[in-house]
Protein backbone atom coordinates (compact mmCIF):
# COMPACT_ATOMS: atom_id res chain seq x y z
CA MET A 1 0.26 -0.20 -0.18
CA LYS A 2 2.78 2.56 0.94
CA LYS A 3 4.46 1.73 -2.93
CA TYR A 4 1.27 2.99 -4.27
CA LEU A 5 0.85 6.07 -2.59
CA LEU A 6 4.46 6.87 -3.20
CA ALA A 7 3.88 6.39 -6.62
CA ILE A 8 1.09 8.26 -6.75
CA LEU A 9 2.95 10.98 -5.02
CA ILE A 10 5.53 11.21 -7.37
CA PHE A 11 2.93 11.10 -10.69
CA PHE A 12 1.56 14.44 -8.96
CA PHE A 13 4.76 15.78 -7.94
CA SER A 14 6.30 14.88 -11.73
CA SER A 15 3.65 16.29 -13.61
CA ASN A 16 2.47 19.96 -14.50
CA LEU A 17 -1.55 20.99 -13.02
CA THR A 18 -2.80 24.33 -14.20
CA ILE A 19 -5.85 25.71 -13.44
CA SER A 20 -8.72 27.06 -15.42
CA ALA A 21 -12.31 26.03 -17.50
CA ASN A 22 -12.82 24.48 -20.81
CA GLY A 23 -15.68 24.00 -22.58
CA TYR A 24 -18.92 20.81 -22.85
CA SER A 25 -19.81 18.10 -24.76
CA ILE A 26 -23.51 17.33 -25.67
CA PHE A 27 -24.03 13.72 -27.13
CA GLY A 28 -26.63 11.35 -27.94
CA GLY A 29 -27.34 8.07 -29.82
CA THR A 30 -27.12 4.24 -29.07
CA TYR A 31 -27.07 2.22 -25.91
CA ASP A 32 -25.99 -1.27 -25.71
CA TYR A 33 -27.01 -1.79 -29.97
CA ASP A 34 -25.46 -5.13 -29.86
CA ASP A 35 -27.98 -6.73 -27.15
CA ASP A 36 -31.96 -6.59 -26.70
CA ASN A 37 -32.15 -3.82 -24.21
CA THR A 38 -31.14 -1.56 -26.99
CA THR A 39 -31.91 2.17 -26.45
CA ASN A 40 -31.54 6.11 -26.83
CA LEU A 41 -28.55 7.55 -24.97
CA PHE A 42 -27.90 11.27 -24.26
CA GLY A 43 -25.66 12.71 -22.33
CA LEU A 44 -22.74 15.83 -21.63
CA ASN A 45 -19.57 15.79 -20.26
CA TYR A 46 -17.61 19.16 -18.22
CA HIS A 47 -14.06 19.38 -19.67
CA LEU A 48 -11.32 20.76 -18.24
CA SER A 49 -8.69 20.49 -21.16
CA LYS A 50 -6.81 23.61 -19.87
CA ASN A 51 -5.87 22.01 -16.74
CA GLU A 52 -3.72 20.24 -18.26
CA LEU A 53 -2.01 17.87 -16.57
CA ASN A 54 1.74 16.85 -18.32
CA LEU A 55 3.29 12.97 -17.77
CA PHE A 56 6.40 13.45 -18.21
CA ASN A 57 6.36 15.37 -21.01
CA ILE A 58 5.32 11.97 -23.14
CA LEU A 59 1.50 12.31 -22.30
CA THR A 60 -0.77 15.22 -21.54
CA ILE A 61 -4.28 13.98 -19.96
CA ASN A 62 -7.58 16.60 -18.53
CA PRO A 63 -9.47 15.52 -16.60
CA VAL A 64 -13.71 15.21 -17.29
CA VAL A 65 -16.75 14.79 -16.48
CA GLY A 66 -19.68 13.66 -16.61
CA GLY A 67 -23.50 11.64 -17.59
CA PHE A 68 -25.64 10.12 -19.27
CA ILE A 69 -29.45 9.30 -19.13
CA THR A 70 -31.03 6.39 -21.45
CA ALA A 71 -34.62 5.98 -22.91
CA LYS A 72 -35.10 3.37 -20.54
CA SER A 73 -34.20 5.13 -17.22
CA ALA A 74 -30.72 4.33 -16.97
CA THR A 75 -28.29 6.93 -15.40
CA MET A 76 -24.17 7.07 -14.69
CA LEU A 77 -22.55 9.58 -13.66
CA TYR A 78 -18.64 9.59 -13.90
CA GLY A 79 -15.94 11.36 -13.80
CA GLY A 80 -11.99 10.61 -15.31
CA PHE A 81 -8.91 11.61 -18.08
CA GLU A 82 -8.89 12.04 -21.43
CA THR A 83 -5.83 12.74 -23.45
CA ASN A 84 -6.21 13.72 -27.24
CA PHE A 85 -4.13 12.48 -30.42
CA GLY A 86 -3.92 14.26 -33.77
CA ALA A 87 -3.98 17.76 -36.24
CA ASP A 88 -6.17 20.89 -34.47
CA PHE A 89 -9.02 20.08 -37.20
CA ILE A 90 -9.32 16.40 -37.00
CA TYR A 91 -8.36 14.17 -33.85
CA LEU A 92 -8.46 10.75 -31.78
CA ASN A 93 -10.34 11.49 -28.14
CA LEU A 94 -9.39 8.40 -25.53
CA SER A 95 -10.97 8.61 -22.33
CA SER A 96 -11.49 6.04 -19.31
CA SER A 97 -13.96 6.59 -16.39
CA ALA A 98 -14.95 5.46 -13.86
CA GLY A 99 -18.32 6.45 -12.65
CA ILE A 100 -21.90 5.35 -10.58
CA TYR A 101 -24.22 3.90 -12.79
CA ASN A 102 -28.26 2.83 -12.06
CA ASN A 103 -30.22 0.43 -14.62
CA GLY A 104 -33.52 2.03 -13.97
CA ASP A 105 -35.62 0.17 -16.17
CA GLY A 106 -32.41 -1.22 -18.32
CA LYS A 107 -30.34 -3.06 -18.56
CA ASP A 108 -28.82 -4.34 -14.90
CA LEU A 109 -24.54 -4.15 -15.35
CA GLY A 110 -24.36 -6.14 -11.92
CA ASN A 111 -22.60 -3.00 -9.98
CA ASP A 112 -23.34 0.55 -9.00
CA LEU A 113 -19.32 0.91 -9.88
CA GLN A 114 -18.89 0.85 -12.73
CA PHE A 115 -15.97 1.88 -15.32
CA LYS A 116 -16.44 3.86 -19.20
CA SER A 117 -13.53 3.32 -21.59
CA GLU A 118 -14.08 5.89 -24.78
CA ILE A 119 -13.12 6.73 -27.98
CA ASN A 120 -14.56 10.05 -29.99
CA LEU A 121 -13.32 11.15 -33.55
CA PHE A 122 -13.39 14.94 -33.48
CA TYR A 123 -13.16 17.72 -37.24
CA SER A 124 -12.78 21.10 -36.31
CA LEU A 125 -16.07 23.28 -37.62
CA SER A 126 -14.63 26.75 -36.31
CA ARG A 127 -11.78 27.13 -33.14
CA GLU A 128 -14.28 26.89 -30.61
CA SER A 129 -16.18 24.27 -31.75
CA ARG A 130 -15.96 20.80 -32.91
CA PHE A 131 -18.28 17.84 -34.17
CA GLY A 132 -17.41 14.12 -33.94
CA VAL A 133 -18.43 10.07 -33.62
CA GLY A 134 -17.77 8.10 -30.72
CA SER A 135 -18.55 4.60 -28.98
CA HIS A 136 -18.10 3.92 -24.73
CA HIS A 137 -17.92 0.62 -23.48
CA ILE A 138 -19.17 0.09 -19.72
CA SER A 139 -18.27 -2.35 -17.67
CA ASN A 140 -17.39 -3.64 -13.65
CA ALA A 141 -14.13 -4.80 -14.96
CA GLY A 142 -15.39 -8.48 -13.46
CA LEU A 143 -16.21 -7.08 -9.64
CA ASN A 144 -18.87 -8.61 -9.39
CA SER A 145 -19.90 -12.32 -11.50
CA VAL A 146 -22.95 -10.49 -13.70
CA ASN A 147 -20.84 -8.31 -16.26
CA PRO A 148 -22.75 -8.21 -19.00
CA GLY A 149 -21.14 -4.47 -20.18
CA THR A 150 -22.49 -1.95 -22.90
CA ASN A 151 -21.23 -0.71 -26.01
CA ASN A 152 -22.61 2.13 -27.38
CA TYR A 153 -21.76 5.03 -29.99
CA TYR A 154 -23.21 8.59 -30.48
CA LEU A 155 -22.78 11.71 -32.65
CA ILE A 156 -20.80 14.33 -30.47
CA TYR A 157 -20.92 18.22 -30.23
CA ASN A 158 -17.98 19.68 -28.55
CA ARG A 159 -17.75 23.39 -27.57
CA ASP A 160 -15.14 25.84 -26.16
CA PHE A 161 -16.06 28.52 -23.63
């Protein structure tokens, strides 16, 4: 346990962190598209990409928080980190988050604690706005014997402020 705490402290003290607000994303699409619980998905993310965490000058990650709701009342609130690869006008966005999930009338994922891995492709419409397509997978990472997971895809509008 002490080794993990030491590693986390080294990680934060060896990185740069700046503070200021960034932007938001609105997304909508299909939840659980490859199963019989398919429904609509709507969500909102708050991006703190000006709060960059530079990992050893190799990778820059940014905090992201958000949530979504499905047409079957399943909800998830989450927080995690994201990074971007590519040019200014077209780029790939990768994200990993952990959050609290409630299945509502939708699919039982086996746990309240769920993990979300996400990949998005964005095209810049202007300096402040982007349009994209994305997909994310939600799973409890085997913390419960019930772990069906969901695969989702959606359209995204991202805007800086």
